[in-house]
Amino acid sequence: MSILLEARPYRPFKSSEEYLIAMKEDLAEWLNALYPELRMNPDNFMDRLDTGVAICKHANNVRKAALDYVARRQARKIMTRSITSSLAMPMCQMADVAFLPNAKAGTFFARDNVSNFISWCRNSLGIIDCLLFESDDLIMRKNERHVILCLLEVARRGAKFGMLAPMLVQMERQIDREIAAENKASYGTGNDESDDEYEEMQPAETCLIYGPQPQIVTNDLKSLDEMMGR
């Protein structure tokens, strides 16, 4: 399944700040595609997330995608060990993230929602601390960059189960697929991740597709960590 979004013109990113803005735009479009009621844009990005409701809701949808992923593999009798399966199985055994859907921004309940999401990222997804954010980073706007990097990592994990991914994550996955295909063609081998995820999952994967002009992203050959100054 494909989702058509408005095309964006080519532009080089000369600084980490410009790259941060581009990632925020990408995440906003991705979250709007998943949850149209958010009506998110780069200007209100943090405002739409600071109650913790949207991110907790997304966490539970990632868990649902993991359950569906395991069910598909069981139906096809493909229960060999793989990186994606080892990520999905523990998530299936954990409960949904608890959150208060009516929490107001700046309240204790909003802070509790955000804290529950961060705990889920750490304990269920196994995201390392340097890719997590603290509650005040979102609620008090102390570090927007940490929030963005964490959400990108959550998107990467969800994409492994067949969820819609932001354009940046889609490009990363395309590069991984091409490398895996080249390795297989050259050496006749691939890793468990590529065999499991890319061959089995890819045909059903949902994609974000921009309009007539393809999006071209460049960061002057610098890595994400270098661009973000980590």
C-alpha atoms as a PDB file:
ATOM      1  CA  MET A   1       0.000   0.000   0.000  1.00  0.00           C
ATOM      2  CA  SER A   2       1.263   3.504  -0.826  1.00  0.00           C
ATOM      3  CA  ILE A   3       0.412   6.933   0.554  1.00  0.00           C
ATOM      4  CA  LEU A   4       0.920   9.922  -1.748  1.00  0.00           C
ATOM      5  CA  LEU A   5       2.379  13.028  -0.152  1.00  0.00           C
ATOM      6  CA  GLU A   6       3.311  16.422  -1.541  1.00  0.00           C
ATOM      7  CA  ALA A   7       6.672  16.564  -3.284  1.00  0.00           C
ATOM      8  CA  ARG A   8       9.551  18.507  -1.743  1.00  0.00           C
ATOM      9  CA  PRO A   9      12.336  19.999  -3.866  1.00  0.00           C
ATOM     10  CA  TYR A  10      16.004  19.083  -3.637  1.00  0.00           C
ATOM     11  CA  ARG A  11      17.983  20.871  -0.962  1.00  0.00           C
ATOM     12  CA  PRO A  12      21.365  20.252   0.639  1.00  0.00           C
ATOM     13  CA  PHE A  13      21.674  20.379   4.416  1.00  0.00           C
ATOM     14  CA  LYS A  14      24.525  22.647   5.416  1.00  0.00           C
ATOM     15  CA  SER A  15      24.112  22.348   9.179  1.00  0.00           C
ATOM     16  CA  SER A  16      22.748  20.054  11.852  1.00  0.00           C
ATOM     17  CA  GLU A  17      19.983  22.603  12.468  1.00  0.00           C
ATOM     18  CA  GLU A  18      18.766  22.356   8.869  1.00  0.00           C
ATOM     19  CA  TYR A  19      18.897  18.574   9.062  1.00  0.00           C
ATOM     20  CA  LEU A  20      16.926  18.663  12.313  1.00  0.00           C
ATOM     21  CA  ILE A  21      14.207  20.716  10.618  1.00  0.00           C
ATOM     22  CA  ALA A  22      14.087  18.271   7.706  1.00  0.00           C
ATOM     23  CA  MET A  23      13.743  15.310  10.066  1.00  0.00           C
ATOM     24  CA  LYS A  24      10.976  17.098  11.951  1.00  0.00           C
ATOM     25  CA  GLU A  25       9.126  17.725   8.678  1.00  0.00           C
ATOM     26  CA  ASP A  26       9.513  14.060   7.759  1.00  0.00           C
ATOM     27  CA  LEU A  27       8.243  12.884  11.147  1.00  0.00           C
ATOM     28  CA  ALA A  28       5.315  15.316  11.036  1.00  0.00           C
ATOM     29  CA  GLU A  29       4.188  13.988   7.646  1.00  0.00           C
ATOM     30  CA  TRP A  30       4.614  10.409   8.847  1.00  0.00           C
ATOM     31  CA  LEU A  31       2.587  10.961  12.019  1.00  0.00           C
ATOM     32  CA  ASN A  32      -0.101  12.802  10.055  1.00  0.00           C
ATOM     33  CA  ALA A  33      -0.365   9.834   7.706  1.00  0.00           C
ATOM     34  CA  LEU A  34      -0.814   7.503  10.681  1.00  0.00           C
ATOM     35  CA  TYR A  35      -2.972   9.814  12.802  1.00  0.00           C
ATOM     36  CA  PRO A  36      -4.679  12.493  10.648  1.00  0.00           C
ATOM     37  CA  GLU A  37      -6.435  13.928  13.691  1.00  0.00           C
ATOM     38  CA  LEU A  38      -3.089  15.311  14.905  1.00  0.00           C
ATOM     39  CA  ARG A  39      -2.985  17.921  12.117  1.00  0.00           C
ATOM     40  CA  MET A  40       0.719  18.219  12.779  1.00  0.00           C
ATOM     41  CA  ASN A  41       3.270  20.457  11.101  1.00  0.00           C
ATOM     42  CA  PRO A  42       6.857  21.423  11.985  1.00  0.00           C
ATOM     43  CA  ASP A  43       5.666  24.495  13.900  1.00  0.00           C
ATOM     44  CA  ASN A  44       3.292  22.639  16.234  1.00  0.00           C
ATOM     45  CA  PHE A  45       5.279  19.386  16.325  1.00  0.00           C
ATOM     46  CA  MET A  46       6.106  19.435  20.043  1.00  0.00           C
ATOM     47  CA  ASP A  47       2.697  20.872  20.975  1.00  0.00           C
ATOM     48  CA  ARG A  48       0.947  17.873  19.430  1.00  0.00           C
ATOM     49  CA  LEU A  49       3.081  15.425  21.401  1.00  0.00           C
ATOM     50  CA  ASP A  50       3.561  16.997  24.822  1.00  0.00           C
ATOM     51  CA  THR A  51       0.503  15.392  26.453  1.00  0.00           C
ATOM     52  CA  GLY A  52       2.064  11.996  25.743  1.00  0.00           C
ATOM     53  CA  VAL A  53      -1.235  10.721  24.336  1.00  0.00           C
ATOM     54  CA  ALA A  54      -0.161  10.423  20.692  1.00  0.00           C
ATOM     55  CA  ILE A  55       3.151   8.722  21.443  1.00  0.00           C
ATOM     56  CA  CYS A  56       1.589   6.244  23.895  1.00  0.00           C
ATOM     57  CA  LYS A  57      -1.101   5.451  21.342  1.00  0.00           C
ATOM     58  CA  HIS A  58       1.619   4.848  18.770  1.00  0.00           C
ATOM     59  CA  ALA A  59       3.513   2.602  21.190  1.00  0.00           C
ATOM     60  CA  ASN A  60       0.455   0.378  21.509  1.00  0.00           C
ATOM     61  CA  ASN A  61       0.088   0.302  17.733  1.00  0.00           C
ATOM     62  CA  VAL A  62       3.703  -0.847  17.419  1.00  0.00           C
ATOM     63  CA  ARG A  63       2.924  -3.658  19.859  1.00  0.00           C
ATOM     64  CA  LYS A  64      -0.124  -4.599  17.776  1.00  0.00           C
ATOM     65  CA  ALA A  65       2.066  -4.668  14.662  1.00  0.00           C
ATOM     66  CA  ALA A  66       4.488  -6.972  16.496  1.00  0.00           C
ATOM     67  CA  LEU A  67       1.610  -9.314  17.383  1.00  0.00           C
ATOM     68  CA  ASP A  68       0.469  -9.319  13.749  1.00  0.00           C
ATOM     69  CA  TYR A  69       4.037  -9.979  12.609  1.00  0.00           C
ATOM     70  CA  VAL A  70       4.353 -13.025  14.862  1.00  0.00           C
ATOM     71  CA  ALA A  71       0.933 -14.287  13.753  1.00  0.00           C
ATOM     72  CA  ARG A  72       1.950 -14.027  10.092  1.00  0.00           C
ATOM     73  CA  ARG A  73       5.123 -15.975  10.705  1.00  0.00           C
ATOM     74  CA  GLN A  74       3.277 -18.643  12.658  1.00  0.00           C
ATOM     75  CA  ALA A  75       0.709 -18.961   9.869  1.00  0.00           C
ATOM     76  CA  ARG A  76       3.524 -19.475   7.383  1.00  0.00           C
ATOM     77  CA  LYS A  77       5.337 -21.781   9.811  1.00  0.00           C
ATOM     78  CA  ILE A  78       8.388 -19.531   9.737  1.00  0.00           C
ATOM     79  CA  MET A  79       9.533 -19.437  13.341  1.00  0.00           C
ATOM     80  CA  THR A  80      13.279 -19.545  12.798  1.00  0.00           C
ATOM     81  CA  ARG A  81      15.319 -17.213  14.949  1.00  0.00           C
ATOM     82  CA  SER A  82      15.935 -13.750  13.551  1.00  0.00           C
ATOM     83  CA  ILE A  83      16.689 -10.284  14.822  1.00  0.00           C
ATOM     84  CA  THR A  84      13.162  -9.073  14.080  1.00  0.00           C
ATOM     85  CA  SER A  85      11.543 -12.096  15.734  1.00  0.00           C
ATOM     86  CA  SER A  86      13.692 -11.662  18.834  1.00  0.00           C
ATOM     87  CA  LEU A  87      12.431  -8.073  19.046  1.00  0.00           C
ATOM     88  CA  ALA A  88       8.783  -8.977  18.457  1.00  0.00           C
ATOM     89  CA  MET A  89       8.382 -11.882  20.872  1.00  0.00           C
ATOM     90  CA  PRO A  90       9.137  -9.985  24.136  1.00  0.00           C
ATOM     91  CA  MET A  91       6.824  -7.157  23.040  1.00  0.00           C
ATOM     92  CA  CYS A  92       3.986  -9.629  22.541  1.00  0.00           C
ATOM     93  CA  GLN A  93       4.353 -10.772  26.136  1.00  0.00           C
ATOM     94  CA  MET A  94       4.151  -7.251  27.578  1.00  0.00           C
ATOM     95  CA  ALA A  95       0.978  -5.284  28.267  1.00  0.00           C
ATOM     96  CA  ASP A  96      -0.092  -2.157  26.409  1.00  0.00           C
ATOM     97  CA  VAL A  97       1.342   1.161  27.561  1.00  0.00           C
ATOM     98  CA  ALA A  98      -0.994   2.697  30.134  1.00  0.00           C
ATOM     99  CA  PHE A  99      -1.880   6.337  29.525  1.00  0.00           C
ATOM    100  CA  LEU A 100      -4.577   8.885  30.282  1.00  0.00           C
ATOM    101  CA  PRO A 101      -6.179   9.858  26.936  1.00  0.00           C
ATOM    102  CA  ASN A 102      -7.628  13.109  28.295  1.00  0.00           C
ATOM    103  CA  ALA A 103      -4.392  14.430  29.798  1.00  0.00           C
ATOM    104  CA  LYS A 104      -3.811  18.159  29.371  1.00  0.00           C
ATOM    105  CA  ALA A 105      -0.456  19.678  28.463  1.00  0.00           C
ATOM    106  CA  GLY A 106       1.662  20.660  31.455  1.00  0.00           C
ATOM    107  CA  THR A 107      -0.180  18.464  33.956  1.00  0.00           C
ATOM    108  CA  PHE A 108       1.096  15.591  36.055  1.00  0.00           C
ATOM    109  CA  PHE A 109      -0.941  13.215  33.896  1.00  0.00           C
ATOM    110  CA  ALA A 110       0.819  14.405  30.741  1.00  0.00           C
ATOM    111  CA  ARG A 111       4.183  13.911  32.422  1.00  0.00           C
ATOM    112  CA  ASP A 112       3.131  10.426  33.502  1.00  0.00           C
ATOM    113  CA  ASN A 113       2.095   9.571  29.939  1.00  0.00           C
ATOM    114  CA  VAL A 114       5.450  10.717  28.566  1.00  0.00           C
ATOM    115  CA  SER A 115       7.315   8.815  31.283  1.00  0.00           C
ATOM    116  CA  ASN A 116       5.400   5.638  30.436  1.00  0.00           C
ATOM    117  CA  PHE A 117       6.327   6.020  26.770  1.00  0.00           C
ATOM    118  CA  ILE A 118      10.012   6.455  27.598  1.00  0.00           C
ATOM    119  CA  SER A 119       9.913   3.370  29.844  1.00  0.00           C
ATOM    120  CA  TRP A 120       8.310   1.413  27.005  1.00  0.00           C
ATOM    121  CA  CYS A 121      11.049   2.517  24.603  1.00  0.00           C
ATOM    122  CA  ARG A 122      13.703   1.367  27.045  1.00  0.00           C
ATOM    123  CA  ASN A 123      12.152  -1.865  28.334  1.00  0.00           C
ATOM    124  CA  SER A 124      10.101  -3.120  25.402  1.00  0.00           C
ATOM    125  CA  LEU A 125      12.036  -1.876  22.372  1.00  0.00           C
ATOM    126  CA  GLY A 126      15.423  -1.993  24.069  1.00  0.00           C
ATOM    127  CA  ILE A 127      16.380   1.467  22.812  1.00  0.00           C
ATOM    128  CA  ILE A 128      19.701   2.535  24.286  1.00  0.00           C
ATOM    129  CA  ASP A 129      19.901   5.574  26.555  1.00  0.00           C
ATOM    130  CA  CYS A 130      21.735   7.803  24.066  1.00  0.00           C
ATOM    131  CA  LEU A 131      18.712   7.549  21.733  1.00  0.00           C
ATOM    132  CA  LEU A 132      16.115   8.212  24.431  1.00  0.00           C
ATOM    133  CA  PHE A 133      14.840  11.552  25.677  1.00  0.00           C
ATOM    134  CA  GLU A 134      13.832  12.719  29.138  1.00  0.00           C
ATOM    135  CA  SER A 135      10.343  13.889  30.035  1.00  0.00           C
ATOM    136  CA  ASP A 136      11.438  17.540  30.277  1.00  0.00           C
ATOM    137  CA  ASP A 137      12.963  17.358  26.787  1.00  0.00           C
ATOM    138  CA  LEU A 138       9.420  17.146  25.441  1.00  0.00           C
ATOM    139  CA  ILE A 139       7.278  18.749  28.138  1.00  0.00           C
ATOM    140  CA  MET A 140       9.587  21.693  28.868  1.00  0.00           C
ATOM    141  CA  ARG A 141      11.079  21.803  25.335  1.00  0.00           C
ATOM    142  CA  LYS A 142      14.554  21.258  26.762  1.00  0.00           C
ATOM    143  CA  ASN A 143      15.888  19.109  23.915  1.00  0.00           C
ATOM    144  CA  GLU A 144      13.866  18.772  20.730  1.00  0.00           C
ATOM    145  CA  ARG A 145      16.703  16.903  19.027  1.00  0.00           C
ATOM    146  CA  HIS A 146      16.554  14.022  21.515  1.00  0.00           C
ATOM    147  CA  VAL A 147      12.799  13.704  21.000  1.00  0.00           C
ATOM    148  CA  ILE A 148      13.221  13.562  17.219  1.00  0.00           C
ATOM    149  CA  LEU A 149      16.025  10.989  17.314  1.00  0.00           C
ATOM    150  CA  CYS A 150      14.016   8.778  19.675  1.00  0.00           C
ATOM    151  CA  LEU A 151      10.926   8.909  17.463  1.00  0.00           C
ATOM    152  CA  LEU A 152      13.037   8.003  14.438  1.00  0.00           C
ATOM    153  CA  GLU A 153      14.350   4.967  16.292  1.00  0.00           C
ATOM    154  CA  VAL A 154      10.811   3.960  17.272  1.00  0.00           C
ATOM    155  CA  ALA A 155       9.838   4.304  13.603  1.00  0.00           C
ATOM    156  CA  ARG A 156      12.726   2.028  12.603  1.00  0.00           C
ATOM    157  CA  ARG A 157      11.543  -0.667  15.009  1.00  0.00           C
ATOM    158  CA  GLY A 158       7.938  -0.400  13.839  1.00  0.00           C
ATOM    159  CA  ALA A 159       9.011  -0.629  10.202  1.00  0.00           C
ATOM    160  CA  LYS A 160      10.525  -4.042  10.935  1.00  0.00           C
ATOM    161  CA  PHE A 161       7.004  -5.296  11.649  1.00  0.00           C
ATOM    162  CA  GLY A 162       5.584  -3.782   8.445  1.00  0.00           C
ATOM    163  CA  MET A 163       4.389  -0.440   9.809  1.00  0.00           C
ATOM    164  CA  LEU A 164       4.453   2.735   7.773  1.00  0.00           C
ATOM    165  CA  ALA A 165       7.870   4.416   8.040  1.00  0.00           C
ATOM    166  CA  PRO A 166       9.065   8.005   7.525  1.00  0.00           C
ATOM    167  CA  MET A 167      10.893   8.702   4.262  1.00  0.00           C
ATOM    168  CA  LEU A 168      14.266   8.828   6.017  1.00  0.00           C
ATOM    169  CA  VAL A 169      13.745   5.351   7.472  1.00  0.00           C
ATOM    170  CA  GLN A 170      12.507   4.049   4.119  1.00  0.00           C
ATOM    171  CA  MET A 171      15.712   5.252   2.469  1.00  0.00           C
ATOM    172  CA  GLU A 172      17.822   3.608   5.173  1.00  0.00           C
ATOM    173  CA  ARG A 173      15.967   0.336   4.660  1.00  0.00           C
ATOM    174  CA  GLN A 174      16.352   0.559   0.879  1.00  0.00           C
ATOM    175  CA  ILE A 175      20.110   0.941   1.286  1.00  0.00           C
ATOM    176  CA  ASP A 176      20.167  -2.062   3.647  1.00  0.00           C
ATOM    177  CA  ARG A 177      18.212  -4.139   1.127  1.00  0.00           C
ATOM    178  CA  GLU A 178      20.592  -3.213  -1.681  1.00  0.00           C
ATOM    179  CA  ILE A 179      23.629  -4.081   0.429  1.00  0.00           C
ATOM    180  CA  ALA A 180      22.064  -7.406   1.447  1.00  0.00           C
ATOM    181  CA  ALA A 181      21.244  -8.198  -2.191  1.00  0.00           C
ATOM    182  CA  GLU A 182      24.790  -7.367  -3.278  1.00  0.00           C
ATOM    183  CA  ASN A 183      26.258  -9.554  -0.538  1.00  0.00           C
ATOM    184  CA  LYS A 184      23.999 -12.426  -1.513  1.00  0.00           C
ATOM    185  CA  ALA A 185      24.891 -12.069  -5.180  1.00  0.00           C
ATOM    186  CA  SER A 186      28.616 -11.815  -4.454  1.00  0.00           C
ATOM    187  CA  TYR A 187      29.039 -14.349  -1.684  1.00  0.00           C
ATOM    188  CA  GLY A 188      25.813 -16.334  -1.696  1.00  0.00           C
ATOM    189  CA  THR A 189      25.166 -15.405   1.914  1.00  0.00           C
ATOM    190  CA  GLY A 190      23.107 -12.914   3.862  1.00  0.00           C
ATOM    191  CA  ASN A 191      22.369 -12.256   7.508  1.00  0.00           C
ATOM    192  CA  ASP A 192      19.275 -13.474   9.339  1.00  0.00           C
ATOM    193  CA  GLU A 193      17.825  -9.977   9.357  1.00  0.00           C
ATOM    194  CA  SER A 194      17.851  -9.575   5.589  1.00  0.00           C
ATOM    195  CA  ASP A 195      16.567 -13.096   4.891  1.00  0.00           C
ATOM    196  CA  ASP A 196      13.756 -12.774   7.420  1.00  0.00           C
ATOM    197  CA  GLU A 197      12.671  -9.184   7.113  1.00  0.00           C
ATOM    198  CA  TYR A 198      13.371  -8.094   3.570  1.00  0.00           C
ATOM    199  CA  GLU A 199      12.359 -11.226   1.686  1.00  0.00           C
ATOM    200  CA  GLU A 200       9.298 -12.101   3.750  1.00  0.00           C
ATOM    201  CA  MET A 201       7.987  -8.702   4.803  1.00  0.00           C
ATOM    202  CA  GLN A 202       8.790  -6.354   1.962  1.00  0.00           C
ATOM    203  CA  PRO A 203       5.919  -7.058  -0.472  1.00  0.00           C
ATOM    204  CA  ALA A 204       3.309  -5.949   2.086  1.00  0.00           C
ATOM    205  CA  GLU A 205       5.228  -2.973   3.441  1.00  0.00           C
ATOM    206  CA  THR A 206       3.419   0.377   3.406  1.00  0.00           C
ATOM    207  CA  CYS A 207       5.363   3.204   1.799  1.00  0.00           C
ATOM    208  CA  LEU A 208       5.225   6.970   1.805  1.00  0.00           C
ATOM    209  CA  ILE A 209       5.501   8.175  -1.795  1.00  0.00           C
ATOM    210  CA  TYR A 210       6.018  11.800  -2.743  1.00  0.00           C
ATOM    211  CA  GLY A 211       4.502  13.418  -5.827  1.00  0.00           C
ATOM    212  CA  PRO A 212       6.001  13.784  -9.321  1.00  0.00           C
ATOM    213  CA  GLN A 213       9.334  15.155  -8.103  1.00  0.00           C
ATOM    214  CA  PRO A 214      11.248  12.511  -6.143  1.00  0.00           C
ATOM    215  CA  GLN A 215      12.652  13.699  -2.847  1.00  0.00           C
ATOM    216  CA  ILE A 216      16.441  13.863  -2.927  1.00  0.00           C
ATOM    217  CA  VAL A 217      18.123  14.110   0.435  1.00  0.00           C
ATOM    218  CA  THR A 218      21.783  14.872   0.927  1.00  0.00           C
ATOM    219  CA  ASN A 219      23.791  15.491   4.053  1.00  0.00           C
ATOM    220  CA  ASP A 220      27.151  15.941   2.329  1.00  0.00           C
ATOM    221  CA  LEU A 221      27.994  12.281   2.995  1.00  0.00           C
ATOM    222  CA  LYS A 222      28.013  12.817   6.733  1.00  0.00           C
ATOM    223  CA  SER A 223      26.466  10.288   9.051  1.00  0.00           C
ATOM    224  CA  LEU A 224      23.338  11.045  11.077  1.00  0.00           C
ATOM    225  CA  ASP A 225      25.397  11.226  14.273  1.00  0.00           C
ATOM    226  CA  GLU A 226      27.827  13.683  12.681  1.00  0.00           C
ATOM    227  CA  MET A 227      25.027  15.866  11.340  1.00  0.00           C
ATOM    228  CA  MET A 228      23.293  15.976  14.709  1.00  0.00           C
ATOM    229  CA  GLY A 229      26.523  16.708  16.575  1.00  0.00           C
ATOM    230  CA  ARG A 230      26.205  13.790  18.954  1.00  0.00           C
END
